[in-house]
Amino acid sequence: MKFTQDAASFPVGVRSNSSVQELNLGTKVVVGDGREFRYVKAGATALVAGKVYDSPAQSTDNANIAVVLGTAGATQITVTLGSTAATVNQYAGGQVIINDEDGQGFTYSIKSHPAADAAASLVLTLEDDEPIVTALTTSSQATLVANVYNGVIIHASTETGIPVGVAVTNITAAQYGWIQTRGPVSCLCGATTAIGQSVAASDTTAGAYEIGDGILPVIGYAVTAGVATEYNVIYLNM
C-alpha cells in the first residue's frame, strides 16, 4: 500500500502510536534539530523507549530460490519458494535481489504479491518505476527480503535481523509509530563505555548498546560515559 502524503507535513508526532497505518513503512522524517526517524510497525511485542530494535527475522528458506520467469521491461517476477510459505504481501515494501546468474546484481522493490505455499510459484509485482532491466532465466537465483521496518523486534544477543533504530516511545504490539535512526538519543547501556567511543548493538544484553568490537553492527557513538543498566546518551548514525 502506498501513501501519497508528504511525511514532512504529516500531522503525526514522533511519539505517536496508532493502530492505523498512515505512512509508508520506512518513511523518514528529519526534525528541526537534525534528528532522523523512521516510520515502523511494531512486531508481536510492544516497543519500549530507549531500547535498540532490529528488523523482523529474515527467512533463510527464501534465499537463493529459483526464478521461473522475468522478462526484460516487465514488472513481474515469478519465483519458486523454498520450504517456507508466503502470506499475502509478506514481502510488499521489501525487495527481491537477483543474487546469481542472469540479471545478478539487480535489486527490485516489491509492490505486492498473493499468498503461496512452500515450494510453490509466487508472482511478485514490482513497483511501476522499477521494471526488469536484464531478462531473468531459470538459471537465475533470487532472494526475498521483507521490509526491514515491518514488524520490528527487540535487538537480541543472537541476531535474526539487522539493527534499525532506537525506540523513542512505547509502541503497542502490532501498531505503528517512529523509531530514531540519527542524532542524540537515550539508550540502554549494556557495558561501560567512554565518551566518543564507537558503540554497537550488544551481543549480551537485549535492546542495549556496548563498545564496538569491529564485528558487531555499529549504531553510533557515546556522547556521555555509559554505565551498565542505565540509559545514557549516544549519537545514532544508522
C-alpha atoms as a PDB file:
ATOM      1  CA  MET A   1       0.000   0.000   0.000  1.00  0.00           C
ATOM      2  CA  LYS A   2       1.311   3.419  -0.947  1.00  0.00           C
ATOM      3  CA  PHE A   3       0.545   6.666   0.875  1.00  0.00           C
ATOM      4  CA  THR A   4       0.871   9.906  -1.033  1.00  0.00           C
ATOM      5  CA  GLN A   5       1.040  12.464   1.761  1.00  0.00           C
ATOM      6  CA  ASP A   6       4.447  14.027   2.351  1.00  0.00           C
ATOM      7  CA  ALA A   7       5.803  12.796   5.680  1.00  0.00           C
ATOM      8  CA  ALA A   8       7.337  16.187   6.437  1.00  0.00           C
ATOM      9  CA  SER A   9       3.874  17.752   6.563  1.00  0.00           C
ATOM     10  CA  PHE A  10       2.036  14.847   8.142  1.00  0.00           C
ATOM     11  CA  PRO A  11       0.413  15.858  11.464  1.00  0.00           C
ATOM     12  CA  VAL A  12       1.756  12.876  13.401  1.00  0.00           C
ATOM     13  CA  GLY A  13       4.323  13.386  16.178  1.00  0.00           C
ATOM     14  CA  VAL A  14       7.349  11.135  16.602  1.00  0.00           C
ATOM     15  CA  ARG A  15       5.848   9.828  19.851  1.00  0.00           C
ATOM     16  CA  SER A  16       2.597   8.795  18.191  1.00  0.00           C
ATOM     17  CA  ASN A  17       1.174   5.287  18.488  1.00  0.00           C
ATOM     18  CA  SER A  18      -1.600   4.301  16.079  1.00  0.00           C
ATOM     19  CA  SER A  19      -3.458   1.137  15.127  1.00  0.00           C
ATOM     20  CA  VAL A  20      -3.877   2.575  11.626  1.00  0.00           C
ATOM     21  CA  GLN A  21      -1.035   2.761   9.121  1.00  0.00           C
ATOM     22  CA  GLU A  22      -0.748   6.352   7.964  1.00  0.00           C
ATOM     23  CA  LEU A  23       2.563   6.383   6.056  1.00  0.00           C
ATOM     24  CA  ASN A  24       4.763   4.005   4.085  1.00  0.00           C
ATOM     25  CA  LEU A  25       6.846   1.835   6.397  1.00  0.00           C
ATOM     26  CA  GLY A  26      10.378   3.204   6.378  1.00  0.00           C
ATOM     27  CA  THR A  27       9.300   6.798   5.679  1.00  0.00           C
ATOM     28  CA  LYS A  28      11.985   9.131   7.053  1.00  0.00           C
ATOM     29  CA  VAL A  29      11.428  12.467   8.749  1.00  0.00           C
ATOM     30  CA  VAL A  30      14.054  14.955   9.910  1.00  0.00           C
ATOM     31  CA  VAL A  31      13.106  17.329  12.721  1.00  0.00           C
ATOM     32  CA  GLY A  32      14.471  20.834  13.218  1.00  0.00           C
ATOM     33  CA  ASP A  33      17.471  19.815  15.328  1.00  0.00           C
ATOM     34  CA  GLY A  34      18.645  17.266  12.757  1.00  0.00           C
ATOM     35  CA  ARG A  35      17.413  14.080  14.407  1.00  0.00           C
ATOM     36  CA  GLU A  36      16.055  11.486  11.983  1.00  0.00           C
ATOM     37  CA  PHE A  37      13.237   8.995  12.471  1.00  0.00           C
ATOM     38  CA  ARG A  38      11.707   6.101  10.537  1.00  0.00           C
ATOM     39  CA  TYR A  39       8.066   5.010  10.499  1.00  0.00           C
ATOM     40  CA  VAL A  40       7.688   1.387  11.625  1.00  0.00           C
ATOM     41  CA  LYS A  41       5.231  -1.301  12.572  1.00  0.00           C
ATOM     42  CA  ALA A  42       5.873  -2.997  15.893  1.00  0.00           C
ATOM     43  CA  GLY A  43       6.216  -6.748  15.942  1.00  0.00           C
ATOM     44  CA  ALA A  44       4.317  -9.104  18.241  1.00  0.00           C
ATOM     45  CA  THR A  45       5.843  -7.464  21.356  1.00  0.00           C
ATOM     46  CA  ALA A  46       5.426  -3.808  22.332  1.00  0.00           C
ATOM     47  CA  LEU A  47       8.355  -1.446  21.798  1.00  0.00           C
ATOM     48  CA  VAL A  48       9.947   0.142  24.873  1.00  0.00           C
ATOM     49  CA  ALA A  49      11.528   3.602  24.800  1.00  0.00           C
ATOM     50  CA  GLY A  50      15.325   3.676  24.939  1.00  0.00           C
ATOM     51  CA  LYS A  51      15.972   0.197  23.537  1.00  0.00           C
ATOM     52  CA  VAL A  52      17.586  -0.922  20.282  1.00  0.00           C
ATOM     53  CA  TYR A  53      15.332  -2.644  17.751  1.00  0.00           C
ATOM     54  CA  ASP A  54      16.029  -4.950  14.820  1.00  0.00           C
ATOM     55  CA  SER A  55      14.312  -5.721  11.555  1.00  0.00           C
ATOM     56  CA  PRO A  56      12.000  -8.746  11.582  1.00  0.00           C
ATOM     57  CA  ALA A  57      13.704 -12.103  11.228  1.00  0.00           C
ATOM     58  CA  GLN A  58      14.588 -12.768   7.611  1.00  0.00           C
ATOM     59  CA  SER A  59      13.539 -16.102   6.125  1.00  0.00           C
ATOM     60  CA  THR A  60      16.632 -18.097   5.191  1.00  0.00           C
ATOM     61  CA  ASP A  61      14.366 -20.545   3.351  1.00  0.00           C
ATOM     62  CA  ASN A  62      13.510 -17.911   0.743  1.00  0.00           C
ATOM     63  CA  ALA A  63      17.081 -17.023  -0.121  1.00  0.00           C
ATOM     64  CA  ASN A  64      18.779 -18.334  -3.266  1.00  0.00           C
ATOM     65  CA  ILE A  65      15.484 -19.550  -4.677  1.00  0.00           C
ATOM     66  CA  ALA A  66      14.807 -20.420  -8.308  1.00  0.00           C
ATOM     67  CA  VAL A  67      13.422 -17.932 -10.801  1.00  0.00           C
ATOM     68  CA  VAL A  68      10.675 -19.152 -13.146  1.00  0.00           C
ATOM     69  CA  LEU A  69      10.120 -16.034 -15.259  1.00  0.00           C
ATOM     70  CA  GLY A  70      11.324 -12.448 -15.510  1.00  0.00           C
ATOM     71  CA  THR A  71      11.072 -10.689 -18.862  1.00  0.00           C
ATOM     72  CA  ALA A  72      13.098  -7.546 -19.521  1.00  0.00           C
ATOM     73  CA  GLY A  73      10.850  -4.483 -19.275  1.00  0.00           C
ATOM     74  CA  ALA A  74       8.166  -6.349 -17.309  1.00  0.00           C
ATOM     75  CA  THR A  75       7.123  -5.568 -13.739  1.00  0.00           C
ATOM     76  CA  GLN A  76       6.560  -9.135 -12.560  1.00  0.00           C
ATOM     77  CA  ILE A  77       8.992 -11.820 -11.451  1.00  0.00           C
ATOM     78  CA  THR A  78       7.871 -15.382 -10.796  1.00  0.00           C
ATOM     79  CA  VAL A  79       9.919 -17.394  -8.298  1.00  0.00           C
ATOM     80  CA  THR A  80       9.657 -20.810  -6.680  1.00  0.00           C
ATOM     81  CA  LEU A  81       9.518 -20.504  -2.917  1.00  0.00           C
ATOM     82  CA  GLY A  82      11.726 -22.505  -0.623  1.00  0.00           C
ATOM     83  CA  SER A  83      10.411 -24.546   2.297  1.00  0.00           C
ATOM     84  CA  THR A  84       8.546 -21.616   3.879  1.00  0.00           C
ATOM     85  CA  ALA A  85       5.178 -20.345   2.613  1.00  0.00           C
ATOM     86  CA  ALA A  86       4.450 -16.672   1.979  1.00  0.00           C
ATOM     87  CA  THR A  87       1.383 -14.820   3.251  1.00  0.00           C
ATOM     88  CA  VAL A  88      -0.330 -12.125   1.190  1.00  0.00           C
ATOM     89  CA  ASN A  89       2.047  -9.147   0.772  1.00  0.00           C
ATOM     90  CA  GLN A  90       4.508 -10.510   3.312  1.00  0.00           C
ATOM     91  CA  TYR A  91       7.319  -9.044   1.205  1.00  0.00           C
ATOM     92  CA  ALA A  92       5.468  -5.951  -0.057  1.00  0.00           C
ATOM     93  CA  GLY A  93       7.587  -2.876   0.553  1.00  0.00           C
ATOM     94  CA  GLY A  94      10.651  -5.107   0.584  1.00  0.00           C
ATOM     95  CA  GLN A  95      12.943  -6.237  -2.177  1.00  0.00           C
ATOM     96  CA  VAL A  96      13.769  -9.127  -4.467  1.00  0.00           C
ATOM     97  CA  ILE A  97      17.508  -9.400  -5.070  1.00  0.00           C
ATOM     98  CA  ILE A  98      18.859 -11.306  -8.059  1.00  0.00           C
ATOM     99  CA  ASN A  99      21.882 -12.929  -6.497  1.00  0.00           C
ATOM    100  CA  ASP A 100      23.200 -15.280  -9.173  1.00  0.00           C
ATOM    101  CA  GLU A 101      23.405 -15.910 -12.924  1.00  0.00           C
ATOM    102  CA  ASP A 102      21.346 -13.870 -15.440  1.00  0.00           C
ATOM    103  CA  GLY A 103      20.325 -10.490 -14.000  1.00  0.00           C
ATOM    104  CA  GLN A 104      22.580 -10.831 -10.961  1.00  0.00           C
ATOM    105  CA  GLY A 105      23.410  -7.653  -9.085  1.00  0.00           C
ATOM    106  CA  PHE A 106      19.992  -6.025  -9.563  1.00  0.00           C
ATOM    107  CA  THR A 107      17.603  -5.155  -6.717  1.00  0.00           C
ATOM    108  CA  TYR A 108      13.879  -4.560  -7.330  1.00  0.00           C
ATOM    109  CA  SER A 109      11.192  -3.181  -4.996  1.00  0.00           C
ATOM    110  CA  ILE A 110       8.183  -5.421  -4.406  1.00  0.00           C
ATOM    111  CA  LYS A 111       4.791  -3.743  -4.709  1.00  0.00           C
ATOM    112  CA  SER A 112       2.520  -6.718  -3.959  1.00  0.00           C
ATOM    113  CA  HIS A 113       2.057 -10.463  -4.227  1.00  0.00           C
ATOM    114  CA  PRO A 114      -0.546 -13.139  -3.351  1.00  0.00           C
ATOM    115  CA  ALA A 115      -0.096 -15.916  -0.816  1.00  0.00           C
ATOM    116  CA  ALA A 116       1.747 -19.055  -1.872  1.00  0.00           C
ATOM    117  CA  ASP A 117       2.556 -22.412  -0.315  1.00  0.00           C
ATOM    118  CA  ALA A 118       6.056 -23.656   0.386  1.00  0.00           C
ATOM    119  CA  ALA A 119       7.794 -24.838  -2.788  1.00  0.00           C
ATOM    120  CA  ALA A 120       5.052 -23.217  -4.925  1.00  0.00           C
ATOM    121  CA  SER A 121       5.347 -20.498  -7.559  1.00  0.00           C
ATOM    122  CA  LEU A 122       4.914 -16.919  -6.383  1.00  0.00           C
ATOM    123  CA  VAL A 123       4.328 -13.961  -8.702  1.00  0.00           C
ATOM    124  CA  LEU A 124       5.935 -10.772  -7.392  1.00  0.00           C
ATOM    125  CA  THR A 125       4.595  -7.499  -8.780  1.00  0.00           C
ATOM    126  CA  LEU A 126       7.273  -4.815  -8.803  1.00  0.00           C
ATOM    127  CA  GLU A 127       6.885  -1.081  -8.383  1.00  0.00           C
ATOM    128  CA  ASP A 128       5.824   0.529 -11.675  1.00  0.00           C
ATOM    129  CA  ASP A 129       9.021   2.565 -11.984  1.00  0.00           C
ATOM    130  CA  GLU A 130      11.312  -0.449 -11.471  1.00  0.00           C
ATOM    131  CA  PRO A 131      10.856  -2.763 -14.471  1.00  0.00           C
ATOM    132  CA  ILE A 132      13.267  -5.633 -15.002  1.00  0.00           C
ATOM    133  CA  VAL A 133      16.486  -4.418 -16.614  1.00  0.00           C
ATOM    134  CA  THR A 134      18.149  -7.694 -17.615  1.00  0.00           C
ATOM    135  CA  ALA A 135      15.968 -10.666 -18.527  1.00  0.00           C
ATOM    136  CA  LEU A 136      15.969 -13.464 -15.976  1.00  0.00           C
ATOM    137  CA  THR A 137      16.221 -17.155 -16.821  1.00  0.00           C
ATOM    138  CA  THR A 138      15.662 -20.429 -14.996  1.00  0.00           C
ATOM    139  CA  SER A 139      19.362 -20.291 -14.100  1.00  0.00           C
ATOM    140  CA  SER A 140      18.813 -17.056 -12.158  1.00  0.00           C
ATOM    141  CA  GLN A 141      18.508 -17.134  -8.384  1.00  0.00           C
ATOM    142  CA  ALA A 142      16.653 -14.672  -6.179  1.00  0.00           C
ATOM    143  CA  THR A 143      16.439 -13.728  -2.509  1.00  0.00           C
ATOM    144  CA  LEU A 144      13.319 -12.211  -0.942  1.00  0.00           C
ATOM    145  CA  VAL A 145      13.855  -9.512   1.684  1.00  0.00           C
ATOM    146  CA  ALA A 146      10.978  -8.258   3.813  1.00  0.00           C
ATOM    147  CA  ASN A 147      10.635  -4.550   4.584  1.00  0.00           C
ATOM    148  CA  VAL A 148      13.063  -4.069   7.487  1.00  0.00           C
ATOM    149  CA  TYR A 149      10.601  -1.707   9.227  1.00  0.00           C
ATOM    150  CA  ASN A 150       7.611  -4.076   9.075  1.00  0.00           C
ATOM    151  CA  GLY A 151       7.351  -5.829  12.440  1.00  0.00           C
ATOM    152  CA  VAL A 152      10.469  -4.626  14.274  1.00  0.00           C
ATOM    153  CA  ILE A 153      11.688  -6.723  17.200  1.00  0.00           C
ATOM    154  CA  ILE A 154      13.966  -6.028  20.146  1.00  0.00           C
ATOM    155  CA  HIS A 155      17.653  -6.491  19.371  1.00  0.00           C
ATOM    156  CA  ALA A 156      18.722  -9.885  20.720  1.00  0.00           C
ATOM    157  CA  SER A 157      22.175 -11.201  21.592  1.00  0.00           C
ATOM    158  CA  THR A 158      21.846 -13.616  18.681  1.00  0.00           C
ATOM    159  CA  GLU A 159      20.559 -11.572  15.782  1.00  0.00           C
ATOM    160  CA  THR A 160      17.988 -12.715  13.254  1.00  0.00           C
ATOM    161  CA  GLY A 161      17.818  -9.325  11.515  1.00  0.00           C
ATOM    162  CA  ILE A 162      19.720  -6.035  11.478  1.00  0.00           C
ATOM    163  CA  PRO A 163      19.576  -3.074  13.904  1.00  0.00           C
ATOM    164  CA  VAL A 164      17.223  -0.408  12.531  1.00  0.00           C
ATOM    165  CA  GLY A 165      16.876   2.163  15.331  1.00  0.00           C
ATOM    166  CA  VAL A 166      16.084   3.066  18.926  1.00  0.00           C
ATOM    167  CA  ALA A 167      12.539   3.423  20.229  1.00  0.00           C
ATOM    168  CA  VAL A 168      11.692   6.934  21.452  1.00  0.00           C
ATOM    169  CA  THR A 169       8.336   5.981  22.927  1.00  0.00           C
ATOM    170  CA  ASN A 170       6.403   2.867  23.874  1.00  0.00           C
ATOM    171  CA  ILE A 171       4.542   1.442  20.861  1.00  0.00           C
ATOM    172  CA  THR A 172       1.796  -1.124  21.296  1.00  0.00           C
ATOM    173  CA  ALA A 173       2.420  -4.517  19.698  1.00  0.00           C
ATOM    174  CA  ALA A 174       1.440  -4.619  16.008  1.00  0.00           C
ATOM    175  CA  GLN A 175       0.800  -0.859  15.941  1.00  0.00           C
ATOM    176  CA  TYR A 176       2.592   1.966  14.134  1.00  0.00           C
ATOM    177  CA  GLY A 177       4.968   4.720  15.234  1.00  0.00           C
ATOM    178  CA  TRP A 178       8.512   6.066  14.946  1.00  0.00           C
ATOM    179  CA  ILE A 179      11.992   4.930  15.904  1.00  0.00           C
ATOM    180  CA  GLN A 180      15.065   7.168  15.856  1.00  0.00           C
ATOM    181  CA  THR A 181      17.946   6.452  13.474  1.00  0.00           C
ATOM    182  CA  ARG A 182      20.209   9.512  13.768  1.00  0.00           C
ATOM    183  CA  GLY A 183      21.133  12.060  16.423  1.00  0.00           C
ATOM    184  CA  PRO A 184      21.354  12.101  20.248  1.00  0.00           C
ATOM    185  CA  VAL A 185      19.068   9.609  21.996  1.00  0.00           C
ATOM    186  CA  SER A 186      18.645   7.932  25.354  1.00  0.00           C
ATOM    187  CA  CYS A 187      19.574   4.262  25.057  1.00  0.00           C
ATOM    188  CA  LEU A 188      20.087   1.297  27.376  1.00  0.00           C
ATOM    189  CA  CYS A 189      23.775   0.706  28.101  1.00  0.00           C
ATOM    190  CA  GLY A 190      24.901  -2.909  28.313  1.00  0.00           C
ATOM    191  CA  ALA A 191      28.502  -2.277  29.415  1.00  0.00           C
ATOM    192  CA  THR A 192      30.691   0.654  30.495  1.00  0.00           C
ATOM    193  CA  THR A 193      31.664   2.985  27.653  1.00  0.00           C
ATOM    194  CA  ALA A 194      33.700   6.177  27.440  1.00  0.00           C
ATOM    195  CA  ILE A 195      32.818   9.427  25.676  1.00  0.00           C
ATOM    196  CA  GLY A 196      33.493   9.271  21.945  1.00  0.00           C
ATOM    197  CA  GLN A 197      33.750   5.512  21.688  1.00  0.00           C
ATOM    198  CA  SER A 198      32.109   3.703  18.809  1.00  0.00           C
ATOM    199  CA  VAL A 199      29.115   1.750  20.104  1.00  0.00           C
ATOM    200  CA  ALA A 200      27.422  -1.319  18.684  1.00  0.00           C
ATOM    201  CA  ALA A 201      24.296  -3.320  19.291  1.00  0.00           C
ATOM    202  CA  SER A 202      25.059  -5.552  22.294  1.00  0.00           C
ATOM    203  CA  ASP A 203      25.657  -9.265  21.962  1.00  0.00           C
ATOM    204  CA  THR A 204      24.976  -9.847  25.667  1.00  0.00           C
ATOM    205  CA  THR A 205      22.078  -7.566  26.689  1.00  0.00           C
ATOM    206  CA  ALA A 206      18.812  -7.440  24.741  1.00  0.00           C
ATOM    207  CA  GLY A 207      17.946  -3.960  23.461  1.00  0.00           C
ATOM    208  CA  ALA A 208      21.249  -2.433  24.615  1.00  0.00           C
ATOM    209  CA  TYR A 209      24.471  -0.995  23.202  1.00  0.00           C
ATOM    210  CA  GLU A 210      28.100  -1.673  24.126  1.00  0.00           C
ATOM    211  CA  ILE A 211      31.584  -0.803  22.848  1.00  0.00           C
ATOM    212  CA  GLY A 212      32.048  -1.704  19.213  1.00  0.00           C
ATOM    213  CA  ASP A 213      34.444  -4.577  18.619  1.00  0.00           C
ATOM    214  CA  GLY A 214      34.792  -4.356  14.866  1.00  0.00           C
ATOM    215  CA  ILE A 215      32.400  -7.266  14.345  1.00  0.00           C
ATOM    216  CA  LEU A 216      29.118  -6.213  15.966  1.00  0.00           C
ATOM    217  CA  PRO A 217      26.982  -3.780  13.911  1.00  0.00           C
ATOM    218  CA  VAL A 218      27.975  -0.201  14.815  1.00  0.00           C
ATOM    219  CA  ILE A 219      24.999   2.054  15.588  1.00  0.00           C
ATOM    220  CA  GLY A 220      26.715   5.278  16.695  1.00  0.00           C
ATOM    221  CA  TYR A 221      28.991   6.930  19.251  1.00  0.00           C
ATOM    222  CA  ALA A 222      28.895   7.523  23.005  1.00  0.00           C
ATOM    223  CA  VAL A 223      28.029  11.142  23.848  1.00  0.00           C
ATOM    224  CA  THR A 224      28.282  10.542  27.593  1.00  0.00           C
ATOM    225  CA  ALA A 225      30.107   7.877  29.584  1.00  0.00           C
ATOM    226  CA  GLY A 226      27.962   4.761  29.622  1.00  0.00           C
ATOM    227  CA  VAL A 227      27.029   2.958  32.835  1.00  0.00           C
ATOM    228  CA  ALA A 228      25.721  -0.593  32.519  1.00  0.00           C
ATOM    229  CA  THR A 229      21.930  -0.932  33.055  1.00  0.00           C
ATOM    230  CA  GLU A 230      21.435   2.855  32.815  1.00  0.00           C
ATOM    231  CA  TYR A 231      20.028   4.809  29.897  1.00  0.00           C
ATOM    232  CA  ASN A 232      22.830   7.013  28.597  1.00  0.00           C
ATOM    233  CA  VAL A 233      23.256   9.299  25.580  1.00  0.00           C
ATOM    234  CA  ILE A 234      24.541   8.002  22.272  1.00  0.00           C
ATOM    235  CA  TYR A 235      24.661   9.701  18.894  1.00  0.00           C
ATOM    236  CA  LEU A 236      22.895   7.372  16.495  1.00  0.00           C
ATOM    237  CA  ASN A 237      24.271   7.099  12.986  1.00  0.00           C
ATOM    238  CA  MET A 238      22.205   4.500  11.170  1.00  0.00           C
END
